[in-house]
Amino acid sequence: MRRNIAKLAALSSLMASAFFATFLTTGQARAGDTFAVSCEDDPLYCQTAPIAYDHIDALPIEWDFDTGWVPSNSPLQVHIWAGVYANTRVSLQGAFITSWESEKPGTLLLQTPGDPNGGMLAYHYGAELGAQAAVHIQILGQSYDWVGDIPYVPQFDFQVDAKEKFDAWGFPPGFAVSSKTDQQKLAQVSIGSIIGGSIPGIDGGFELDVAMELTATYTTTQIVLVENEQPVAGGPILSEDGVSNMLYSGGPNTLVDVHPEGTVDYDGTLHLIPAFYVELLGQSWSIPIADIPISFPITQTKWTFTPVRVHTPLPDLTLPVVEVDFGKVEVGQKNLEPFDLINDGEAKLAVVLAGDDPVFELWDTNLEIAPGETVQSAFRFVPQQAGEFSTTVLISSNDPDKPLQQVVLKGTGVDGPPINVETEELPDHETIEEPGACACRTAPMSNGLPSGAALFALGLVGLAARSKRPRQKK
C-alpha cells in the first residue's frame, strides 16, 4: 500500500517553502520555531528539520588555591596562590526527523542524527598568580627574618586554550580535547633588591616557572523530547542511532521541544615550579621544591542546552461522508455522485482509491491534495441488472494515524417500463406465404415505402420511448 502511494509525485521543496512562508504570515506559528520539510528520500512519509545548539559556560571552574607556606620548617619558604578563570563552549548540529509507516498507524518515529563535524568543543583557561617569600635564617648566632610579597607576579596572566571539531552528538565515550603549555618563567626577582634594607649584605633570587595541562571531555547523555510539556511516549534518545516515538491522533502538525543534555569532565593540573635561593656572609640556602602540582578540584559540570521547538507539518485526510447512496437507477443507465476529500493537514496528502465491483466506477483512483485544500472526486453507479448492490471502497493515504479509510457505496438497479407497440390489422390478402418461409404481416406499402399511417405509428413509439427514459445524472 505504501509503495503504491510512493509512486505519486513527491512534494517539492519549493512548494514546501512557499507554503511555510504563507503559514508564517498567518501568525499561527511561534517565533523561533524550526519548521520541518519533506525528506528527499521519502517525502510522503518523512519530515526533517535542522536543529543546532551553542552553549558557553563562562565559569565552569572558578576556584582559588593556596599552597600555604612550603616547605614547612624550612629556612626559606614560599607562599603561592592562584585564581583560575575559564570559559568552555560546546556547539552541536544535527537533524530532527519525524517519520511514520502505514503498518503502524498513530505512531510517529523520532530520530536525531548528528551532523558529521557538527560538534565543536573549545575552552580558554587562565590563571592569575601571586607569591610571597619568607626568610628565617641564622648565621654567626644572629637571626635574620623577612616576609614579603614578590612583586609583579600577581599581575601575570597565564592562559591555555584549545578548539576542535567532532561528529555530533558526542554520545559516550564522548569527545576530548587537550592542551598543555611549555614550562614558562613568570618571575625572576633579585632578593637583594627586595630585602636588602632589612638584611644588609643578603643576596639571592626568586624565580617561578609555571606549566598548565588540561583535558576537557564533552559527552551527550541524552536528547530530551517533550510535547505539551510532557516527555514523548518513547522517552529520550540515548545513542547515536537511537529511535524514540510519540503518539499521534490527528491534526495538521506536531510541536516537539528538543534539547541535548550532557556533561563536561575536566582533568587538569597547574604546575608551580619555584626557585628560591639566598646568600649571606659566604653561606647559601635554597628551597628544595622542584614542582608543586595543583589539580583542579572540579571534575564534572552538567550541560543543558536551550530547547529548540520543531514544528512538523503532517497530512490529515478528512472524509465528509462515509456512505454514498445512489438510490434507484434504471438498468443500463448511469448515476454520478460527487465525493469530497479534504486535506486538513499542513503537508501534502497522497490518496489511492480501490474497489472491486464493476457496477460502481471510481472517477479518480490517484489523487494529490495540497495542504488545506479540498478535491472533489466522484463515484458512478452503472447497474447491468435489477437488484440491490453495495461495495466498500478502500481509501489509502499517507495520513499518519488513519492510513486506511473506507466509504460504502450502495444503489438499486431497476428494470425500465415495457414498450408496447400497436400496429394496424392487415387484410388477409396482404399475408405473404412462401414455401419454407414464415407467414409474416407486412405494413401497407405505397410506391415500395411504408404507408403514412405506419410511419406515424413508429414515430409515436420512438417518442414514447424517449419520454419514459430517465435523465442521466452526470
Protein backbone atom coordinates (compact mmCIF):
# COMPACT_ATOMS: atom_id res chain seq x y z
CA MET A 1 0.00 0.00 0.00
CA ARG A 2 2.73 2.41 0.98
CA ARG A 3 4.72 1.63 -2.11
CA ASN A 4 1.73 2.41 -4.34
CA ILE A 5 1.38 5.84 -2.81
CA ALA A 6 5.12 6.41 -3.00
CA LYS A 7 4.82 6.26 -6.78
CA LEU A 8 2.96 9.54 -6.70
CA ALA A 9 4.96 12.68 -7.39
CA ALA A 10 7.00 13.88 -4.38
CA LEU A 11 6.36 17.22 -2.78
CA SER A 12 9.00 19.64 -3.99
CA SER A 13 10.99 21.75 -1.58
CA LEU A 14 9.87 24.83 -3.48
CA MET A 15 6.23 24.07 -2.70
CA ALA A 16 7.09 23.41 0.92
CA SER A 17 8.96 26.71 1.22
CA ALA A 18 6.09 28.61 -0.35
CA PHE A 19 3.59 27.00 2.00
CA PHE A 20 5.61 27.71 5.12
CA ALA A 21 6.13 31.31 4.04
CA THR A 22 2.36 31.64 3.73
CA PHE A 23 1.78 29.83 7.01
CA LEU A 24 4.16 32.08 8.88
CA THR A 25 2.37 35.18 7.68
CA THR A 26 -0.85 33.98 9.26
CA GLY A 27 0.60 34.49 12.72
CA GLN A 28 -0.16 30.90 13.76
CA ALA A 29 3.48 29.91 14.19
CA ARG A 30 5.51 30.74 17.28
CA ALA A 31 8.51 32.96 16.72
CA GLY A 32 11.69 30.92 16.80
CA ASP A 33 10.11 27.61 15.76
CA THR A 34 12.13 25.43 13.42
CA PHE A 35 9.99 24.15 10.54
CA ALA A 36 10.44 20.69 9.09
CA VAL A 37 10.30 19.97 5.36
CA SER A 38 9.84 16.77 3.39
CA CYS A 39 12.73 14.30 3.38
CA GLU A 40 14.33 13.88 -0.02
CA ASP A 41 14.33 10.08 0.02
CA ASP A 42 10.75 9.61 1.30
CA PRO A 43 8.82 12.88 1.00
CA LEU A 44 5.38 11.44 1.70
CA TYR A 45 6.27 9.65 4.95
CA CYS A 46 9.08 11.71 6.42
CA GLN A 47 9.76 15.29 7.60
CA THR A 48 13.14 16.68 8.69
CA ALA A 49 14.26 19.86 10.41
CA PRO A 50 17.76 21.16 11.25
CA ILE A 51 18.50 21.65 14.96
CA ALA A 52 21.52 23.49 16.36
CA TYR A 53 22.77 24.35 19.84
CA ASP A 54 25.53 26.57 21.22
CA HIS A 55 26.29 26.99 24.90
CA ILE A 56 29.09 28.79 26.70
CA ASP A 57 29.74 28.24 30.37
CA ALA A 58 31.66 31.31 31.42
CA LEU A 59 32.98 29.87 34.66
CA PRO A 60 32.77 26.08 34.73
CA ILE A 61 35.77 26.24 37.06
CA GLU A 62 36.04 29.14 39.48
CA TRP A 63 38.33 28.43 42.35
CA ASP A 64 41.29 29.67 44.29
CA PHE A 65 44.09 27.58 45.59
CA ASP A 66 46.76 28.38 48.10
CA THR A 67 49.88 26.38 48.76
CA GLY A 68 50.41 27.83 52.23
CA TRP A 69 53.97 28.25 53.42
CA VAL A 70 56.10 25.48 51.93
CA PRO A 71 58.21 23.64 52.74
CA SER A 72 57.29 23.66 56.39
CA ASN A 73 60.08 24.30 58.93
CA SER A 74 62.41 25.40 56.13
CA PRO A 75 64.66 28.50 56.44
CA LEU A 76 63.34 29.56 53.04
CA GLN A 77 59.66 29.29 52.28
CA VAL A 78 57.30 30.34 49.53
CA HIS A 79 53.60 31.04 49.59
CA ILE A 80 51.87 30.87 46.21
CA TRP A 81 48.22 31.33 45.43
CA ALA A 82 46.25 31.43 42.20
CA GLY A 83 42.79 32.02 40.87
CA VAL A 84 41.67 30.15 37.77
CA TYR A 85 39.10 31.62 35.40
CA ALA A 86 37.78 29.90 32.31
CA ASN A 87 35.11 29.51 29.69
CA THR A 88 34.09 26.38 27.82
CA ARG A 89 31.99 26.29 24.66
CA VAL A 90 30.11 23.38 23.12
CA SER A 91 28.29 23.61 19.76
CA LEU A 92 26.15 20.83 18.30
CA GLN A 93 24.29 20.46 14.99
CA GLY A 94 22.07 17.72 13.67
CA ALA A 95 18.55 17.00 12.47
CA PHE A 96 15.19 16.08 13.96
CA ILE A 97 13.40 13.53 11.76
CA THR A 98 9.74 12.54 12.07
CA SER A 99 8.61 9.54 10.04
CA TRP A 100 5.70 7.11 10.02
CA GLU A 101 4.54 3.86 8.47
CA SER A 102 1.14 2.73 7.23
CA GLU A 103 1.58 -0.51 9.17
CA LYS A 104 1.84 1.41 12.50
CA PRO A 105 -0.96 3.99 12.47
CA GLY A 106 -0.93 6.58 15.23
CA THR A 107 2.80 6.27 15.95
CA LEU A 108 5.44 8.73 14.81
CA LEU A 109 9.07 7.62 14.83
CA LEU A 110 11.57 10.22 16.05
CA GLN A 111 15.29 10.31 15.25
CA THR A 112 18.06 12.85 15.78
CA PRO A 113 21.05 12.06 13.57
CA GLY A 114 24.06 14.26 14.23
CA ASP A 115 25.95 16.11 11.52
CA PRO A 116 29.49 15.00 10.58
CA ASN A 117 31.81 17.57 12.13
CA GLY A 118 28.69 19.15 13.59
CA GLY A 119 30.16 19.33 17.09
CA MET A 120 32.74 21.73 18.47
CA LEU A 121 34.45 21.79 21.86
CA ALA A 122 36.61 24.72 22.90
CA TYR A 123 38.00 26.12 26.14
CA HIS A 124 40.07 29.07 27.26
CA TYR A 125 41.59 28.91 30.71
CA GLY A 126 43.81 31.32 32.58
CA ALA A 127 45.44 31.68 35.96
CA GLU A 128 46.29 34.77 37.96
CA LEU A 129 49.03 34.09 40.44
CA GLY A 130 50.54 35.78 43.47
CA ALA A 131 53.56 34.88 45.59
CA GLN A 132 55.32 35.67 48.85
CA ALA A 133 58.67 34.63 50.20
CA ALA A 134 59.90 34.14 53.80
CA VAL A 135 63.44 34.05 55.16
CA HIS A 136 64.25 32.59 58.59
CA ILE A 137 67.99 32.05 58.81
CA GLN A 138 70.63 32.14 61.49
CA ILE A 139 74.28 32.85 60.96
CA LEU A 140 77.00 33.54 63.50
CA GLY A 141 74.40 33.45 66.26
CA GLN A 142 72.24 36.08 64.66
CA SER A 143 68.74 35.51 63.28
CA TYR A 144 67.53 37.09 60.09
CA ASP A 145 63.82 37.08 59.32
CA TRP A 146 61.88 38.60 56.47
CA VAL A 147 58.45 38.05 54.92
CA GLY A 148 57.18 39.96 51.89
CA ASP A 149 55.49 39.96 48.52
CA ILE A 150 57.29 39.02 45.36
CA PRO A 151 56.50 41.91 43.03
CA TYR A 152 54.91 41.61 39.61
CA VAL A 153 53.80 38.01 39.98
CA PRO A 154 50.15 38.80 40.86
CA GLN A 155 49.74 40.69 37.59
CA PHE A 156 50.76 37.82 35.37
CA ASP A 157 48.06 36.23 33.20
CA PHE A 158 48.82 32.67 32.16
CA GLN A 159 46.48 31.03 29.60
CA VAL A 160 45.83 27.73 27.87
CA ASP A 161 43.22 27.15 25.17
CA ALA A 162 42.08 24.52 22.66
CA LYS A 163 39.40 24.08 19.99
CA GLU A 164 38.46 21.01 17.93
CA LYS A 165 35.52 19.68 15.91
CA PHE A 166 33.88 16.29 16.23
CA ASP A 167 30.87 14.38 14.88
CA ALA A 168 27.71 15.36 16.73
CA TRP A 169 26.28 14.42 19.15
CA GLY A 170 29.20 13.05 21.12
CA PHE A 171 27.40 10.21 22.88
CA PRO A 172 29.58 8.01 25.16
CA PRO A 173 32.52 7.82 25.31
CA GLY A 174 32.30 11.47 24.31
CA PHE A 175 34.92 13.72 22.75
CA ALA A 176 38.02 15.06 24.48
CA VAL A 177 40.27 17.98 23.68
CA SER A 178 43.61 18.55 25.40
CA SER A 179 46.20 21.27 25.64
CA LYS A 180 49.47 21.71 27.50
CA THR A 181 51.80 24.64 27.79
CA ASP A 182 55.55 24.56 27.97
CA GLN A 183 57.14 25.47 31.25
CA GLN A 184 57.37 29.26 31.33
CA LYS A 185 59.22 31.58 33.70
CA LEU A 186 56.79 34.01 35.23
CA ALA A 187 59.07 35.78 37.68
CA GLN A 188 62.79 36.34 38.24
CA VAL A 189 63.44 38.73 41.10
CA SER A 190 66.62 39.73 42.93
CA ILE A 191 66.22 39.16 46.64
CA GLY A 192 68.83 41.78 47.41
CA SER A 193 66.69 44.44 45.74
CA ILE A 194 63.69 43.42 47.82
CA ILE A 195 65.05 42.78 51.32
CA GLY A 196 68.50 44.28 51.17
CA GLY A 197 67.42 47.05 53.53
CA SER A 198 66.14 44.55 56.09
CA ILE A 199 69.11 42.19 55.98
CA PRO A 200 72.25 44.04 54.89
CA GLY A 201 74.54 42.10 52.60
CA ILE A 202 71.95 39.50 51.61
CA ASP A 203 71.79 38.42 48.02
CA GLY A 204 69.95 35.81 46.03
CA GLY A 205 66.92 35.44 43.84
CA PHE A 206 63.39 34.18 43.43
CA GLU A 207 62.10 32.52 40.26
CA LEU A 208 58.73 30.98 39.45
CA ASP A 209 58.05 28.75 36.48
CA VAL A 210 54.53 27.61 35.61
CA ALA A 211 53.07 24.97 33.29
CA MET A 212 49.43 24.02 32.78
CA GLU A 213 47.80 20.96 31.23
CA LEU A 214 44.11 20.42 30.73
CA THR A 215 41.83 17.85 29.15
CA ALA A 216 38.11 18.58 28.72
CA THR A 217 35.70 15.82 27.63
CA TYR A 218 32.18 16.56 26.46
CA THR A 219 29.61 13.74 26.46
CA THR A 220 25.95 13.89 25.46
CA THR A 221 23.98 11.74 27.89
CA GLN A 222 20.54 12.09 26.28
CA ILE A 223 18.44 14.10 23.84
CA VAL A 224 15.20 15.06 25.54
CA LEU A 225 11.96 15.20 23.52
CA VAL A 226 8.94 16.97 25.01
CA GLU A 227 5.42 17.52 23.63
CA ASN A 228 2.93 19.67 25.54
CA GLU A 229 5.33 19.85 28.48
CA GLN A 230 5.38 16.06 28.77
CA PRO A 231 8.10 13.62 27.63
CA VAL A 232 7.12 11.73 24.48
CA ALA A 233 5.98 8.14 24.86
CA GLY A 234 9.27 6.67 23.63
CA GLY A 235 11.40 8.67 26.09
CA PRO A 236 14.72 10.39 25.35
CA ILE A 237 17.22 9.32 22.70
CA LEU A 238 20.24 7.71 24.35
CA SER A 239 22.59 6.81 21.48
CA GLU A 240 23.79 8.00 18.10
CA ASP A 241 21.38 5.72 16.23
CA GLY A 242 18.66 5.81 18.88
CA VAL A 243 14.97 5.99 17.98
CA SER A 244 12.08 7.28 20.05
CA ASN A 245 8.39 7.61 19.25
CA MET A 246 5.34 9.66 20.07
CA LEU A 247 1.61 9.06 19.82
CA TYR A 248 -0.36 10.97 17.19
CA SER A 249 -4.14 11.17 16.98
CA GLY A 250 -4.58 13.56 14.10
CA GLY A 251 -4.06 17.21 13.46
CA PRO A 252 -2.16 19.39 10.99
CA ASN A 253 1.21 19.25 12.79
CA THR A 254 3.23 18.32 15.84
CA LEU A 255 5.27 20.61 18.10
CA VAL A 256 8.19 18.95 19.88
CA ASP A 257 10.78 20.66 22.09
CA VAL A 258 14.20 19.08 21.57
CA HIS A 259 17.38 19.62 23.58
CA PRO A 260 20.54 17.65 24.40
CA GLU A 261 21.86 17.19 27.91
CA GLY A 262 25.43 16.25 28.70
CA THR A 263 28.48 16.74 30.87
CA VAL A 264 31.91 18.28 30.57
CA ASP A 265 34.63 16.48 32.53
CA TYR A 266 37.81 18.31 33.36
CA ASP A 267 41.17 16.76 34.11
CA GLY A 268 43.76 19.46 34.64
CA THR A 269 46.86 20.28 36.58
CA LEU A 270 48.67 23.54 37.24
CA HIS A 271 52.38 23.02 37.87
CA LEU A 272 54.14 25.62 40.05
CA ILE A 273 57.92 25.34 39.95
CA PRO A 274 59.56 27.85 42.36
CA ALA A 275 63.27 28.51 42.81
CA PHE A 276 64.39 30.49 45.87
CA TYR A 277 67.99 30.91 46.99
CA VAL A 278 69.78 33.24 49.39
CA GLU A 279 73.46 34.09 50.02
CA LEU A 280 74.65 35.83 53.17
CA LEU A 281 78.11 36.12 54.67
CA GLY A 282 79.51 33.42 52.46
CA GLN A 283 76.75 30.90 53.09
CA SER A 284 73.89 29.95 50.79
CA TRP A 285 70.46 28.44 51.15
CA SER A 286 67.97 27.22 48.53
CA ILE A 287 64.44 25.91 48.53
CA PRO A 288 64.27 22.14 47.88
CA ILE A 289 60.97 22.11 45.95
CA ALA A 290 61.09 21.21 42.26
CA ASP A 291 57.35 21.10 41.40
CA ILE A 292 54.10 21.86 43.18
CA PRO A 293 51.30 20.19 41.13
CA ILE A 294 47.82 21.54 41.83
CA SER A 295 44.90 19.52 40.42
CA PHE A 296 41.68 21.25 39.51
CA PRO A 297 39.11 20.37 42.18
CA ILE A 298 36.01 20.37 39.93
CA THR A 299 35.92 17.32 37.70
CA GLN A 300 32.49 17.49 36.05
CA THR A 301 29.78 20.00 35.18
CA LYS A 302 26.33 19.34 33.75
CA TRP A 303 25.27 20.92 30.49
CA THR A 304 21.67 21.53 29.46
CA PHE A 305 21.10 23.26 26.16
CA THR A 306 18.22 25.61 25.41
CA PRO A 307 15.39 23.63 23.73
CA VAL A 308 14.58 24.05 20.05
CA ARG A 309 10.90 23.73 19.14
CA VAL A 310 10.37 21.74 15.94
CA HIS A 311 7.14 22.37 14.00
CA THR A 312 6.47 19.30 11.85
CA PRO A 313 3.71 19.56 9.20
CA LEU A 314 1.67 16.41 8.62
CA PRO A 315 -1.02 15.30 6.13
CA ASP A 316 -4.51 14.79 7.57
CA LEU A 317 -7.29 13.23 5.47
CA THR A 318 -10.91 14.06 6.30
CA LEU A 319 -13.89 12.35 4.60
CA PRO A 320 -17.12 14.40 4.99
CA VAL A 321 -19.25 11.29 4.36
CA VAL A 322 -18.53 7.57 4.62
CA GLU A 323 -21.59 6.33 2.71
CA VAL A 324 -22.95 7.21 -0.74
CA ASP A 325 -26.48 6.05 -1.70
CA PHE A 326 -27.29 6.23 -5.43
CA GLY A 327 -30.94 5.30 -4.93
CA LYS A 328 -32.79 3.62 -7.79
CA VAL A 329 -31.18 3.65 -11.22
CA GLU A 330 -32.62 2.06 -14.36
CA VAL A 331 -30.66 -0.89 -15.69
CA GLY A 332 -28.25 0.26 -18.36
CA GLN A 333 -28.28 3.86 -17.14
CA LYS A 334 -25.61 5.70 -15.05
CA ASN A 335 -25.75 7.85 -11.94
CA LEU A 336 -22.76 10.03 -10.94
CA GLU A 337 -22.41 11.23 -7.34
CA PRO A 338 -19.68 13.71 -6.24
CA PHE A 339 -17.39 12.86 -3.32
CA ASP A 340 -15.10 15.29 -1.43
CA LEU A 341 -11.70 14.52 0.07
CA ILE A 342 -10.24 17.17 2.40
CA ASN A 343 -6.63 17.65 3.47
CA ASP A 344 -6.84 19.33 6.88
CA GLY A 345 -3.09 18.98 7.33
CA GLU A 346 -0.06 21.13 6.56
CA ALA A 347 1.75 18.61 4.39
CA LYS A 348 0.94 17.11 1.01
CA LEU A 349 -1.63 14.30 1.03
CA ALA A 350 -1.42 11.39 -1.41
CA VAL A 351 -4.52 9.22 -1.82
CA VAL A 352 -5.22 5.94 -3.65
CA LEU A 353 -8.79 4.59 -4.06
CA ALA A 354 -9.51 0.93 -4.79
CA GLY A 355 -12.75 -1.00 -5.36
CA ASP A 356 -13.63 -4.40 -6.86
CA ASP A 357 -17.28 -4.14 -8.00
CA PRO A 358 -17.68 -3.23 -11.70
CA VAL A 359 -21.14 -1.71 -11.21
CA PHE A 360 -19.51 1.06 -9.15
CA GLU A 361 -16.98 3.05 -11.13
CA LEU A 362 -14.27 5.16 -9.43
CA TRP A 363 -13.82 8.55 -11.05
CA ASP A 364 -10.27 9.12 -9.70
CA THR A 365 -8.01 6.45 -8.27
CA ASN A 366 -4.84 8.52 -7.61
CA LEU A 367 -5.06 11.97 -6.02
CA GLU A 368 -2.65 14.53 -4.65
CA ILE A 369 -4.14 17.14 -2.33
CA ALA A 370 -2.23 20.25 -1.29
CA PRO A 371 -2.28 21.39 2.37
CA GLY A 372 -5.62 22.86 3.38
CA GLU A 373 -7.28 22.01 0.06
CA THR A 374 -10.41 20.03 -0.91
CA VAL A 375 -10.55 17.85 -4.02
CA GLN A 376 -13.88 16.74 -5.49
CA SER A 377 -13.91 13.24 -6.91
CA ALA A 378 -16.91 11.09 -7.84
CA PHE A 379 -18.36 7.59 -7.97
CA ARG A 380 -20.66 6.25 -10.71
CA PHE A 381 -23.32 3.55 -10.37
CA VAL A 382 -23.91 1.54 -13.58
CA PRO A 383 -26.30 -1.37 -12.86
CA GLN A 384 -26.41 -4.09 -15.52
CA GLN A 385 -29.31 -5.91 -13.96
CA ALA A 386 -32.05 -5.33 -11.45
CA GLY A 387 -31.28 -5.77 -7.76
CA GLU A 388 -29.59 -4.19 -4.75
CA PHE A 389 -25.85 -3.58 -4.89
CA SER A 390 -23.24 -2.42 -2.36
CA THR A 391 -19.48 -2.35 -2.11
CA THR A 392 -16.72 -0.87 0.05
CA VAL A 393 -14.14 1.42 -1.49
CA LEU A 394 -10.79 1.45 0.32
CA ILE A 395 -9.08 4.83 0.59
CA SER A 396 -5.40 4.56 1.47
CA SER A 397 -3.23 7.60 2.10
CA ASN A 398 -0.12 8.86 3.85
CA ASP A 399 -2.21 10.14 6.78
CA PRO A 400 -0.13 9.08 9.84
CA ASP A 401 -2.99 7.99 12.11
CA LYS A 402 -5.63 6.93 9.53
CA PRO A 403 -3.74 5.45 6.60
CA LEU A 404 -6.71 3.29 5.57
CA GLN A 405 -10.27 4.60 5.48
CA GLN A 406 -13.34 3.36 3.63
CA VAL A 407 -16.59 4.53 2.11
CA VAL A 408 -19.64 2.36 1.44
CA LEU A 409 -21.42 2.65 -1.92
CA LYS A 410 -24.92 1.28 -2.43
CA GLY A 411 -27.67 1.51 -5.03
CA THR A 412 -30.60 -0.38 -6.56
CA GLY A 413 -30.90 -1.35 -10.21
CA VAL A 414 -34.46 -1.36 -11.57
CA ASP A 415 -35.92 -2.53 -14.90
CA GLY A 416 -37.35 0.14 -17.19
CA PRO A 417 -41.10 0.04 -18.15
CA PRO A 418 -42.04 -2.25 -21.09
CA ILE A 419 -42.52 -0.63 -24.52
CA ASN A 420 -45.82 -1.67 -26.24
CA VAL A 421 -46.19 -1.04 -30.00
CA GLU A 422 -49.71 -1.29 -31.52
CA THR A 423 -49.99 -1.83 -35.30
CA GLU A 424 -52.95 -1.91 -37.75
CA GLU A 425 -54.67 -5.16 -38.54
CA LEU A 426 -53.63 -6.11 -42.01
CA PRO A 427 -56.09 -7.58 -44.55
CA ASP A 428 -55.81 -11.27 -45.13
CA HIS A 429 -54.86 -10.77 -48.77
CA GLU A 430 -51.63 -8.99 -47.71
CA THR A 431 -50.34 -12.06 -45.89
CA ILE A 432 -47.41 -13.43 -47.84
CA GLU A 433 -46.75 -17.10 -47.65
CA GLU A 434 -43.84 -18.75 -49.34
CA PRO A 435 -42.70 -22.30 -49.10
CA GLY A 436 -40.06 -22.75 -46.43
CA ALA A 437 -40.69 -19.30 -45.00
CA CYS A 438 -42.70 -17.96 -42.10
CA ALA A 439 -46.04 -16.26 -42.59
CA CYS A 440 -45.45 -12.55 -41.90
CA ARG A 441 -47.64 -9.49 -41.93
CA THR A 442 -46.32 -6.51 -43.81
CA ALA A 443 -47.19 -2.88 -43.44
CA PRO A 444 -49.24 -1.32 -46.24
CA MET A 445 -46.91 -0.11 -48.94
CA SER A 446 -47.10 2.89 -51.22
CA ASN A 447 -44.61 3.00 -54.05
CA GLY A 448 -42.47 0.44 -52.18
CA LEU A 449 -42.37 2.50 -48.89
CA PRO A 450 -44.37 2.18 -45.63
CA SER A 451 -47.69 3.96 -45.71
CA GLY A 452 -48.20 7.26 -43.87
CA ALA A 453 -50.17 5.58 -41.10
CA ALA A 454 -47.30 3.17 -40.39
CA LEU A 455 -44.71 5.98 -40.20
CA PHE A 456 -46.92 7.88 -37.79
CA ALA A 457 -47.20 4.83 -35.53
CA LEU A 458 -43.41 4.32 -35.49
CA GLY A 459 -42.91 7.98 -34.57
CA LEU A 460 -45.18 7.62 -31.58
CA VAL A 461 -43.27 4.59 -30.44
CA GLY A 462 -39.96 6.48 -30.54
CA LEU A 463 -41.34 9.48 -28.70
CA ALA A 464 -42.88 7.28 -26.04
CA ALA A 465 -39.57 5.50 -25.56
CA ARG A 466 -37.68 8.78 -25.18
CA SER A 467 -40.21 10.26 -22.77
CA LYS A 468 -40.05 7.22 -20.46
CA ARG A 469 -36.22 7.12 -20.25
CA PRO A 470 -34.95 8.78 -17.05
CA ARG A 471 -32.43 11.58 -17.48
CA GLN A 472 -28.85 10.56 -16.81
CA LYS A 473 -27.16 12.25 -13.88
CA LYS A 474 -23.63 13.45 -14.52
